[in-house]
Amino acid sequence: MSAQKGRDLLLKISDGVGNYITVAGLRTRRLALNADAIDVTDTESTGRWRELLAGAGVRRASISGAGIFKDQASDALLRQVFFDGVLRDFQMIIPGLGVLSGPFQISNLDYRGEYAGEVTFDISLDSAGALTFVAN
């Protein structure tokens, strides 16, 4: 895989009726995948090396982004989903790799503005169920 443009990493939110809308104005996006390790080391562990239980633990994903406020349909939808406290399906399109999809909760929605600048926002999402990944 060759290098990819960062602007091609897209975050999309479901409108609730099967369509996905690109979250407008995002300048930076980040996806983090994590899994908790379950330590099963005991006194009989070979060489006293730590042992982990395969396939156990909690898997989770978090998505974050920052950008400019554009007051478009996606901005209004993000605000409504946040204030309603509902889970919504999101997609993260990773160029050259595939699409990660599933339910997320908006855990942070932060707006700010500099005196001589544009209004910007930060958003954080936490996975809220099973995710799927479809490779390109």
N, C-alpha and C. Protein backbone atom coordinates (compact mmCIF):
# COMPACT_ATOMS: atom_id res chain seq x y z
N MET A 1 0.85 -1.18 0.00
CA MET A 1 0.00 0.00 0.00
C MET A 1 0.89 1.23 0.00
N SER A 2 0.58 2.16 -0.88
CA SER A 2 1.33 3.41 -0.92
C SER A 2 0.76 4.38 0.11
N ALA A 3 1.48 5.48 0.29
CA ALA A 3 1.03 6.50 1.24
C ALA A 3 -0.34 7.04 0.83
N GLN A 4 -1.13 7.40 1.82
CA GLN A 4 -2.48 7.92 1.57
C GLN A 4 -2.59 9.34 2.11
N LYS A 5 -3.48 10.11 1.50
CA LYS A 5 -3.73 11.47 1.97
C LYS A 5 -4.59 11.43 3.23
N GLY A 6 -4.20 12.19 4.24
CA GLY A 6 -4.96 12.24 5.48
C GLY A 6 -6.37 12.73 5.29
N ARG A 7 -6.59 13.58 4.32
CA ARG A 7 -7.94 14.11 4.09
C ARG A 7 -8.90 13.05 3.57
N ASP A 8 -8.35 11.92 3.09
CA ASP A 8 -9.19 10.85 2.58
C ASP A 8 -9.71 9.93 3.69
N LEU A 9 -9.23 10.10 4.92
CA LEU A 9 -9.74 9.36 6.08
C LEU A 9 -11.05 10.05 6.48
N LEU A 10 -12.17 9.38 6.22
CA LEU A 10 -13.48 10.02 6.40
C LEU A 10 -14.25 9.44 7.58
N LEU A 11 -14.99 10.30 8.26
CA LEU A 11 -15.91 9.89 9.30
C LEU A 11 -17.32 10.19 8.80
N LYS A 12 -18.18 9.17 8.86
CA LYS A 12 -19.57 9.34 8.42
C LYS A 12 -20.51 8.90 9.53
N ILE A 13 -21.65 9.58 9.61
CA ILE A 13 -22.68 9.27 10.60
C ILE A 13 -23.94 8.85 9.88
N SER A 14 -24.62 7.85 10.43
CA SER A 14 -25.88 7.39 9.86
C SER A 14 -26.98 8.41 10.16
N ASP A 15 -27.82 8.66 9.17
CA ASP A 15 -28.93 9.57 9.39
C ASP A 15 -30.13 8.87 10.02
N GLY A 16 -29.97 7.58 10.32
CA GLY A 16 -31.03 6.82 10.97
C GLY A 16 -31.95 6.08 10.01
N VAL A 17 -31.81 6.35 8.72
CA VAL A 17 -32.66 5.67 7.73
C VAL A 17 -31.82 4.96 6.67
N GLY A 18 -30.56 4.64 7.01
CA GLY A 18 -29.73 3.86 6.10
C GLY A 18 -28.73 4.63 5.27
N ASN A 19 -28.75 5.95 5.35
CA ASN A 19 -27.79 6.76 4.60
C ASN A 19 -26.69 7.25 5.54
N TYR A 20 -25.49 7.42 5.01
CA TYR A 20 -24.38 7.95 5.80
C TYR A 20 -23.99 9.31 5.27
N ILE A 21 -23.81 10.25 6.20
CA ILE A 21 -23.44 11.62 5.87
C ILE A 21 -22.04 11.87 6.37
N THR A 22 -21.17 12.39 5.51
CA THR A 22 -19.80 12.72 5.91
C THR A 22 -19.84 13.87 6.91
N VAL A 23 -19.13 13.71 8.02
CA VAL A 23 -19.06 14.77 9.03
C VAL A 23 -18.23 15.90 8.42
N ALA A 24 -18.90 17.01 8.16
CA ALA A 24 -18.29 18.13 7.44
C ALA A 24 -17.33 18.91 8.33
N GLY A 25 -16.34 19.49 7.71
CA GLY A 25 -15.44 20.41 8.38
C GLY A 25 -14.30 19.78 9.16
N LEU A 26 -14.24 18.44 9.22
CA LEU A 26 -13.15 17.81 9.99
C LEU A 26 -11.81 18.03 9.30
N ARG A 27 -10.85 18.50 10.05
CA ARG A 27 -9.49 18.69 9.53
C ARG A 27 -8.57 17.58 10.00
N THR A 28 -8.85 17.03 11.19
CA THR A 28 -8.05 15.91 11.69
C THR A 28 -8.99 14.82 12.17
N ARG A 29 -8.56 13.58 11.99
CA ARG A 29 -9.34 12.43 12.41
C ARG A 29 -8.37 11.38 12.96
N ARG A 30 -8.85 10.64 13.96
CA ARG A 30 -8.01 9.62 14.59
C ARG A 30 -8.89 8.43 14.99
N LEU A 31 -8.38 7.23 14.72
CA LEU A 31 -9.05 6.00 15.12
C LEU A 31 -8.08 5.22 15.99
N ALA A 32 -8.54 4.78 17.16
CA ALA A 32 -7.73 3.96 18.05
C ALA A 32 -8.49 2.68 18.37
N LEU A 33 -7.84 1.55 18.17
CA LEU A 33 -8.41 0.24 18.51
C LEU A 33 -7.63 -0.30 19.70
N ASN A 34 -8.36 -0.78 20.70
CA ASN A 34 -7.72 -1.26 21.93
C ASN A 34 -8.34 -2.58 22.37
N ALA A 35 -7.54 -3.36 23.10
CA ALA A 35 -8.02 -4.60 23.69
C ALA A 35 -7.37 -4.75 25.06
N ASP A 36 -8.17 -5.04 26.06
CA ASP A 36 -7.65 -5.27 27.40
C ASP A 36 -7.02 -6.66 27.46
N ALA A 37 -5.86 -6.74 28.07
CA ALA A 37 -5.19 -8.02 28.25
C ALA A 37 -5.62 -8.64 29.57
N ILE A 38 -5.76 -9.97 29.58
CA ILE A 38 -6.09 -10.70 30.79
C ILE A 38 -4.83 -11.48 31.19
N ASP A 39 -4.25 -11.08 32.29
CA ASP A 39 -3.00 -11.68 32.77
C ASP A 39 -3.32 -12.98 33.53
N VAL A 40 -2.77 -14.10 33.04
CA VAL A 40 -2.98 -15.40 33.69
C VAL A 40 -1.65 -15.98 34.20
N THR A 41 -0.69 -15.12 34.43
CA THR A 41 0.61 -15.55 34.93
C THR A 41 0.46 -16.13 36.33
N ASP A 42 1.18 -17.22 36.58
CA ASP A 42 1.18 -17.81 37.92
C ASP A 42 2.60 -18.29 38.26
N THR A 43 2.74 -18.94 39.38
CA THR A 43 4.07 -19.35 39.84
C THR A 43 4.71 -20.40 38.93
N GLU A 44 3.93 -21.07 38.10
CA GLU A 44 4.47 -22.08 37.20
C GLU A 44 4.70 -21.55 35.78
N SER A 45 4.55 -20.24 35.57
CA SER A 45 4.76 -19.66 34.24
C SER A 45 6.23 -19.80 33.86
N THR A 46 6.48 -20.29 32.67
CA THR A 46 7.84 -20.55 32.20
C THR A 46 8.70 -19.30 32.29
N GLY A 47 9.81 -19.44 33.01
CA GLY A 47 10.77 -18.33 33.13
C GLY A 47 10.20 -17.09 33.79
N ARG A 48 9.07 -17.24 34.45
CA ARG A 48 8.38 -16.12 35.09
C ARG A 48 7.96 -15.04 34.09
N TRP A 49 7.79 -15.46 32.85
CA TRP A 49 7.29 -14.53 31.84
C TRP A 49 5.79 -14.39 31.97
N ARG A 50 5.32 -13.22 31.71
CA ARG A 50 3.88 -12.96 31.77
C ARG A 50 3.17 -13.78 30.71
N GLU A 51 2.01 -14.32 31.07
CA GLU A 51 1.17 -15.06 30.13
C GLU A 51 -0.18 -14.35 30.02
N LEU A 52 -0.70 -14.30 28.81
CA LEU A 52 -1.98 -13.65 28.56
C LEU A 52 -2.99 -14.66 28.04
N LEU A 53 -4.23 -14.46 28.37
CA LEU A 53 -5.31 -15.33 27.93
C LEU A 53 -5.78 -14.86 26.55
N ALA A 54 -5.58 -15.69 25.55
CA ALA A 54 -5.94 -15.33 24.18
C ALA A 54 -7.45 -15.19 24.03
N GLY A 55 -7.86 -14.20 23.27
CA GLY A 55 -9.27 -14.02 22.95
C GLY A 55 -10.12 -13.48 24.07
N ALA A 56 -9.54 -13.11 25.20
CA ALA A 56 -10.31 -12.60 26.33
C ALA A 56 -10.15 -11.08 26.40
N GLY A 57 -10.85 -10.49 27.30
CA GLY A 57 -10.75 -9.05 27.50
C GLY A 57 -11.79 -8.29 26.69
N VAL A 58 -11.81 -7.01 26.87
CA VAL A 58 -12.77 -6.14 26.21
C VAL A 58 -12.08 -5.41 25.07
N ARG A 59 -12.68 -5.48 23.89
CA ARG A 59 -12.18 -4.74 22.74
C ARG A 59 -13.01 -3.47 22.60
N ARG A 60 -12.35 -2.40 22.18
CA ARG A 60 -13.06 -1.13 22.02
C ARG A 60 -12.36 -0.28 20.96
N ALA A 61 -13.11 0.65 20.45
CA ALA A 61 -12.57 1.60 19.48
C ALA A 61 -12.97 3.00 19.92
N SER A 62 -12.11 3.93 19.65
CA SER A 62 -12.44 5.33 19.88
C SER A 62 -12.05 6.12 18.64
N ILE A 63 -12.86 7.08 18.33
CA ILE A 63 -12.63 7.95 17.18
C ILE A 63 -12.66 9.37 17.70
N SER A 64 -11.75 10.18 17.22
CA SER A 64 -11.77 11.59 17.58
C SER A 64 -11.46 12.42 16.35
N GLY A 65 -11.87 13.66 16.40
CA GLY A 65 -11.61 14.55 15.29
C GLY A 65 -11.73 15.99 15.72
N ALA A 66 -11.21 16.86 14.90
CA ALA A 66 -11.28 18.30 15.14
C ALA A 66 -11.42 18.99 13.80
N GLY A 67 -12.16 20.08 13.81
CA GLY A 67 -12.36 20.79 12.55
C GLY A 67 -13.07 22.10 12.74
N ILE A 68 -13.57 22.59 11.62
CA ILE A 68 -14.26 23.88 11.63
C ILE A 68 -15.77 23.66 11.60
N PHE A 69 -16.46 24.51 12.30
CA PHE A 69 -17.92 24.48 12.35
C PHE A 69 -18.45 25.05 11.04
N LYS A 70 -19.26 24.26 10.31
CA LYS A 70 -19.79 24.72 9.02
C LYS A 70 -21.30 24.86 9.02
N ASP A 71 -21.98 24.46 10.12
CA ASP A 71 -23.42 24.56 10.24
C ASP A 71 -24.14 23.87 9.08
N GLN A 72 -23.72 22.65 8.79
CA GLN A 72 -24.35 21.86 7.76
C GLN A 72 -25.20 20.77 8.40
N ALA A 73 -25.80 19.95 7.56
CA ALA A 73 -26.69 18.89 8.05
C ALA A 73 -25.97 17.96 9.02
N SER A 74 -24.71 17.64 8.75
CA SER A 74 -23.98 16.73 9.64
C SER A 74 -23.74 17.36 11.00
N ASP A 75 -23.51 18.68 11.05
CA ASP A 75 -23.31 19.36 12.33
C ASP A 75 -24.59 19.30 13.17
N ALA A 76 -25.73 19.56 12.54
CA ALA A 76 -27.01 19.52 13.25
C ALA A 76 -27.30 18.10 13.74
N LEU A 77 -26.99 17.10 12.92
CA LEU A 77 -27.22 15.71 13.31
C LEU A 77 -26.33 15.32 14.48
N LEU A 78 -25.05 15.72 14.46
CA LEU A 78 -24.15 15.42 15.58
C LEU A 78 -24.68 16.03 16.87
N ARG A 79 -25.09 17.28 16.82
CA ARG A 79 -25.62 17.94 18.02
C ARG A 79 -26.85 17.21 18.55
N GLN A 80 -27.76 16.86 17.65
CA GLN A 80 -28.99 16.19 18.07
C GLN A 80 -28.70 14.83 18.69
N VAL A 81 -27.80 14.07 18.07
CA VAL A 81 -27.44 12.75 18.61
C VAL A 81 -26.79 12.91 19.99
N PHE A 82 -25.93 13.92 20.14
CA PHE A 82 -25.30 14.15 21.44
C PHE A 82 -26.34 14.50 22.50
N PHE A 83 -27.21 15.47 22.22
CA PHE A 83 -28.19 15.91 23.22
C PHE A 83 -29.22 14.83 23.53
N ASP A 84 -29.53 13.98 22.55
CA ASP A 84 -30.47 12.89 22.80
C ASP A 84 -29.80 11.75 23.56
N GLY A 85 -28.47 11.70 23.55
CA GLY A 85 -27.74 10.65 24.25
C GLY A 85 -27.93 9.27 23.65
N VAL A 86 -28.21 9.22 22.35
CA VAL A 86 -28.47 7.94 21.69
C VAL A 86 -27.21 7.39 21.02
N LEU A 87 -27.25 6.10 20.77
CA LEU A 87 -26.19 5.47 19.99
C LEU A 87 -26.54 5.62 18.52
N ARG A 88 -25.52 5.78 17.70
CA ARG A 88 -25.74 5.93 16.27
C ARG A 88 -24.65 5.18 15.55
N ASP A 89 -24.97 4.62 14.40
CA ASP A 89 -23.95 3.95 13.58
C ASP A 89 -23.08 5.00 12.90
N PHE A 90 -21.78 4.73 12.93
CA PHE A 90 -20.79 5.57 12.26
C PHE A 90 -19.96 4.67 11.36
N GLN A 91 -19.31 5.28 10.39
CA GLN A 91 -18.34 4.59 9.55
C GLN A 91 -17.06 5.40 9.56
N MET A 92 -15.93 4.70 9.64
CA MET A 92 -14.63 5.33 9.45
C MET A 92 -14.06 4.69 8.20
N ILE A 93 -13.89 5.50 7.17
CA ILE A 93 -13.35 5.01 5.90
C ILE A 93 -11.85 5.25 5.92
N ILE A 94 -11.10 4.15 5.84
CA ILE A 94 -9.65 4.20 5.91
C ILE A 94 -9.12 3.91 4.51
N PRO A 95 -8.59 4.92 3.82
CA PRO A 95 -8.19 4.72 2.43
C PRO A 95 -7.13 3.63 2.29
N GLY A 96 -7.35 2.77 1.30
CA GLY A 96 -6.41 1.69 1.04
C GLY A 96 -6.57 0.49 1.95
N LEU A 97 -7.39 0.58 2.99
CA LEU A 97 -7.59 -0.53 3.93
C LEU A 97 -9.02 -1.03 3.93
N GLY A 98 -9.99 -0.14 4.21
CA GLY A 98 -11.37 -0.57 4.26
C GLY A 98 -12.24 0.36 5.09
N VAL A 99 -13.36 -0.19 5.56
CA VAL A 99 -14.35 0.59 6.30
C VAL A 99 -14.65 -0.10 7.63
N LEU A 100 -14.51 0.65 8.73
CA LEU A 100 -14.89 0.19 10.06
C LEU A 100 -16.26 0.77 10.36
N SER A 101 -17.22 -0.08 10.74
CA SER A 101 -18.59 0.37 10.96
C SER A 101 -19.14 -0.19 12.26
N GLY A 102 -20.07 0.56 12.85
CA GLY A 102 -20.76 0.06 14.03
C GLY A 102 -21.31 1.18 14.87
N PRO A 103 -21.93 0.80 15.99
CA PRO A 103 -22.55 1.79 16.88
C PRO A 103 -21.50 2.49 17.75
N PHE A 104 -21.68 3.79 17.87
CA PHE A 104 -20.81 4.62 18.71
C PHE A 104 -21.68 5.59 19.48
N GLN A 105 -21.14 6.06 20.60
CA GLN A 105 -21.77 7.13 21.36
C GLN A 105 -20.85 8.34 21.31
N ILE A 106 -21.43 9.51 21.12
CA ILE A 106 -20.63 10.74 21.16
C ILE A 106 -20.36 11.04 22.62
N SER A 107 -19.10 10.92 23.02
CA SER A 107 -18.74 11.13 24.43
C SER A 107 -18.25 12.55 24.69
N ASN A 108 -17.91 13.29 23.64
CA ASN A 108 -17.44 14.65 23.81
C ASN A 108 -17.75 15.44 22.55
N LEU A 109 -18.32 16.62 22.72
CA LEU A 109 -18.56 17.55 21.62
C LEU A 109 -18.23 18.92 22.15
N ASP A 110 -17.14 19.48 21.67
CA ASP A 110 -16.57 20.70 22.24
C ASP A 110 -16.47 21.76 21.15
N TYR A 111 -17.07 22.92 21.39
CA TYR A 111 -16.98 24.04 20.45
C TYR A 111 -16.12 25.13 21.06
N ARG A 112 -15.35 25.81 20.21
CA ARG A 112 -14.55 26.94 20.70
C ARG A 112 -14.31 27.90 19.55
N GLY A 113 -13.96 29.11 19.91
CA GLY A 113 -13.68 30.12 18.90
C GLY A 113 -12.68 31.13 19.40
N GLU A 114 -11.73 31.43 18.58
CA GLU A 114 -10.76 32.48 18.88
C GLU A 114 -11.33 33.82 18.42
N TYR A 115 -10.92 34.87 19.06
CA TYR A 115 -11.42 36.21 18.76
C TYR A 115 -11.30 36.54 17.27
N ALA A 116 -10.15 36.23 16.69
CA ALA A 116 -9.91 36.57 15.28
C ALA A 116 -9.87 35.31 14.41
N GLY A 117 -10.66 34.31 14.76
CA GLY A 117 -10.64 33.07 14.00
C GLY A 117 -12.01 32.46 13.85
N GLU A 118 -12.03 31.31 13.23
CA GLU A 118 -13.29 30.60 12.98
C GLU A 118 -13.71 29.79 14.19
N VAL A 119 -14.97 29.39 14.23
CA VAL A 119 -15.47 28.50 15.26
C VAL A 119 -15.00 27.09 14.90
N THR A 120 -14.44 26.40 15.88
CA THR A 120 -13.96 25.04 15.66
C THR A 120 -14.64 24.10 16.64
N PHE A 121 -14.51 22.80 16.38
CA PHE A 121 -15.09 21.82 17.28
C PHE A 121 -14.19 20.60 17.38
N ASP A 122 -14.32 19.90 18.50
CA ASP A 122 -13.68 18.61 18.73
C ASP A 122 -14.79 17.62 19.03
N ILE A 123 -14.61 16.39 18.55
CA ILE A 123 -15.59 15.35 18.81
C ILE A 123 -14.86 14.07 19.19
N SER A 124 -15.43 13.33 20.14
CA SER A 124 -14.90 12.03 20.54
C SER A 124 -16.04 11.03 20.54
N LEU A 125 -15.77 9.84 20.01
CA LEU A 125 -16.75 8.76 19.94
C LEU A 125 -16.19 7.53 20.61
N ASP A 126 -17.04 6.78 21.30
CA ASP A 126 -16.66 5.52 21.92
C ASP A 126 -17.54 4.41 21.36
N SER A 127 -16.92 3.30 21.00
CA SER A 127 -17.68 2.17 20.45
C SER A 127 -18.68 1.68 21.50
N ALA A 128 -19.84 1.22 20.99
CA ALA A 128 -20.93 0.85 21.89
C ALA A 128 -21.54 -0.50 21.49
N GLY A 129 -20.75 -1.33 20.85
CA GLY A 129 -21.24 -2.63 20.42
C GLY A 129 -20.24 -3.25 19.45
N ALA A 130 -20.67 -4.33 18.82
CA ALA A 130 -19.79 -5.04 17.88
C ALA A 130 -19.54 -4.20 16.64
N LEU A 131 -18.27 -4.15 16.23
CA LEU A 131 -17.88 -3.42 15.03
C LEU A 131 -17.54 -4.39 13.92
N THR A 132 -17.69 -3.95 12.69
CA THR A 132 -17.31 -4.76 11.53
C THR A 132 -16.26 -4.00 10.74
N PHE A 133 -15.39 -4.76 10.09
CA PHE A 133 -14.39 -4.17 9.21
C PHE A 133 -14.49 -4.87 7.86
N VAL A 134 -14.68 -4.10 6.80
CA VAL A 134 -14.73 -4.63 5.45
C VAL A 134 -13.53 -4.07 4.71
N ALA A 135 -12.61 -4.96 4.30
CA ALA A 135 -11.40 -4.55 3.61
C ALA A 135 -11.73 -4.12 2.18
N ASN A 136 -10.91 -3.20 1.67
CA ASN A 136 -11.04 -2.79 0.26
C ASN A 136 -10.55 -3.89 -0.65
